[in-house]
Protein backbone atom coordinates (compact mmCIF):
# COMPACT_ATOMS: atom_id res chain seq x y z
CA UNK A 1 -11.13 -20.72 0.07
CA UNK A 2 -12.77 -23.27 2.28
CA UNK A 3 -13.47 -23.11 5.98
CA UNK A 4 -11.26 -25.42 8.00
CA UNK A 5 -12.40 -27.54 10.90
CA UNK A 6 -10.38 -27.42 14.13
CA UNK A 7 -8.76 -30.76 13.32
CA UNK A 8 -7.63 -29.51 9.91
CA UNK A 9 -5.91 -26.52 11.54
CA UNK A 10 -3.62 -28.85 13.46
CA UNK A 11 -2.67 -30.86 10.39
CA UNK A 12 0.58 -30.21 8.56
CA UNK A 13 0.48 -27.15 6.32
CA UNK A 14 3.02 -26.21 3.69
CA UNK A 15 5.03 -22.99 4.01
CA UNK A 16 2.88 -21.09 1.50
CA UNK A 17 -0.31 -21.87 3.42
CA UNK A 18 1.29 -20.86 6.70
CA UNK A 19 2.53 -17.60 5.18
CA UNK A 20 -0.88 -16.82 3.69
CA UNK A 21 -2.60 -17.42 7.03
CA UNK A 22 -0.09 -15.20 8.82
CA UNK A 23 -0.54 -12.46 6.24
CA UNK A 24 -4.31 -12.71 6.57
CA UNK A 25 -4.11 -12.40 10.36
CA UNK A 26 -1.71 -9.46 10.09
CA UNK A 27 -4.04 -7.69 7.67
CA UNK A 28 -7.11 -8.35 9.81
CA UNK A 29 -5.33 -7.08 12.94
CA UNK A 30 -4.06 -3.95 11.19
CA UNK A 31 -7.60 -3.14 10.05
CA UNK A 32 -8.86 -3.61 13.62
CA UNK A 33 -6.12 -1.34 14.98
CA UNK A 34 -6.89 1.36 12.41
CA UNK A 35 -10.60 1.21 13.24
CA UNK A 36 -9.84 1.46 16.96
CA UNK A 37 -7.64 4.53 16.48
CA UNK A 38 -10.33 6.23 14.38
CA UNK A 39 -13.03 5.29 16.89
CA UNK A 40 -10.95 6.73 19.73
CA UNK A 41 -10.34 9.93 17.79
CA UNK A 42 -14.06 10.31 17.15
CA UNK A 43 -14.81 9.40 20.77
CA UNK A 44 -12.53 12.20 21.97
CA UNK A 45 -14.28 14.73 19.72
CA UNK A 46 -17.78 13.58 20.68
CA UNK A 47 -16.95 13.58 24.39
CA UNK A 48 -15.77 17.20 24.16
CA UNK A 49 -19.01 18.18 22.41
CA UNK A 50 -21.15 16.42 25.03
CA UNK A 51 -19.29 18.04 27.92
CA UNK A 52 -19.69 21.46 26.31
CA UNK A 53 -23.47 21.12 26.44
CA UNK A 54 -23.46 19.51 29.89
CA UNK A 55 -24.40 15.96 28.94
CA UNK A 56 -22.37 13.61 31.09
CA UNK A 57 -24.61 10.74 32.26
CA UNK A 58 -24.88 7.76 29.95
CA UNK A 59 -22.45 9.06 27.34
CA UNK A 60 -20.44 5.81 27.18
CA UNK A 61 -23.53 3.72 26.51
CA UNK A 62 -24.71 6.23 23.90
CA UNK A 63 -21.32 6.20 22.18
CA UNK A 64 -21.29 2.38 22.22
CA UNK A 65 -24.57 2.40 20.31
CA UNK A 66 -23.25 4.98 17.84
CA UNK A 67 -20.09 2.98 17.12
CA UNK A 68 -21.75 -0.43 17.30
CA UNK A 69 -19.47 -1.78 20.02
CA UNK A 70 -19.83 -2.89 23.61
CA UNK A 71 -19.96 -0.23 26.36
CA UNK A 72 -16.91 -2.01 27.81
CA UNK A 73 -15.01 -1.19 24.60
CA UNK A 74 -15.85 2.50 25.01
CA UNK A 75 -14.78 2.34 28.66
CA UNK A 76 -11.48 0.75 27.63
CA UNK A 77 -10.97 3.31 24.85
CA UNK A 78 -11.69 6.19 27.21
CA UNK A 79 -9.20 4.84 29.75
CA UNK A 80 -6.51 4.70 27.05
CA UNK A 81 -7.36 8.24 25.96
CA UNK A 82 -7.07 9.52 29.55
CA UNK A 83 -3.73 7.77 29.97
CA UNK A 84 -2.49 9.20 26.67
CA UNK A 85 -1.78 5.78 25.12
CA UNK A 86 -3.84 5.95 21.94
CA UNK A 87 -2.19 8.05 19.30
């Protein structure tokens, strides 16, 4: 499979190519969603452990390093957890 330039993406593509691209995007997005759900589950467990021992300052930044994501991602995940919109 070759990498396409932006101009090639706008060119006509047959139905099979379009379907393969859509399937690839769907697969990629489902993997991302699954990883996010698992990360949020682990975040919930780790946060409970940290609170039990009294560590509260800097936990989001620490968790971002552990999971290899931005602190903003952890902040967003934690907001969803608090609102009950993750599982």
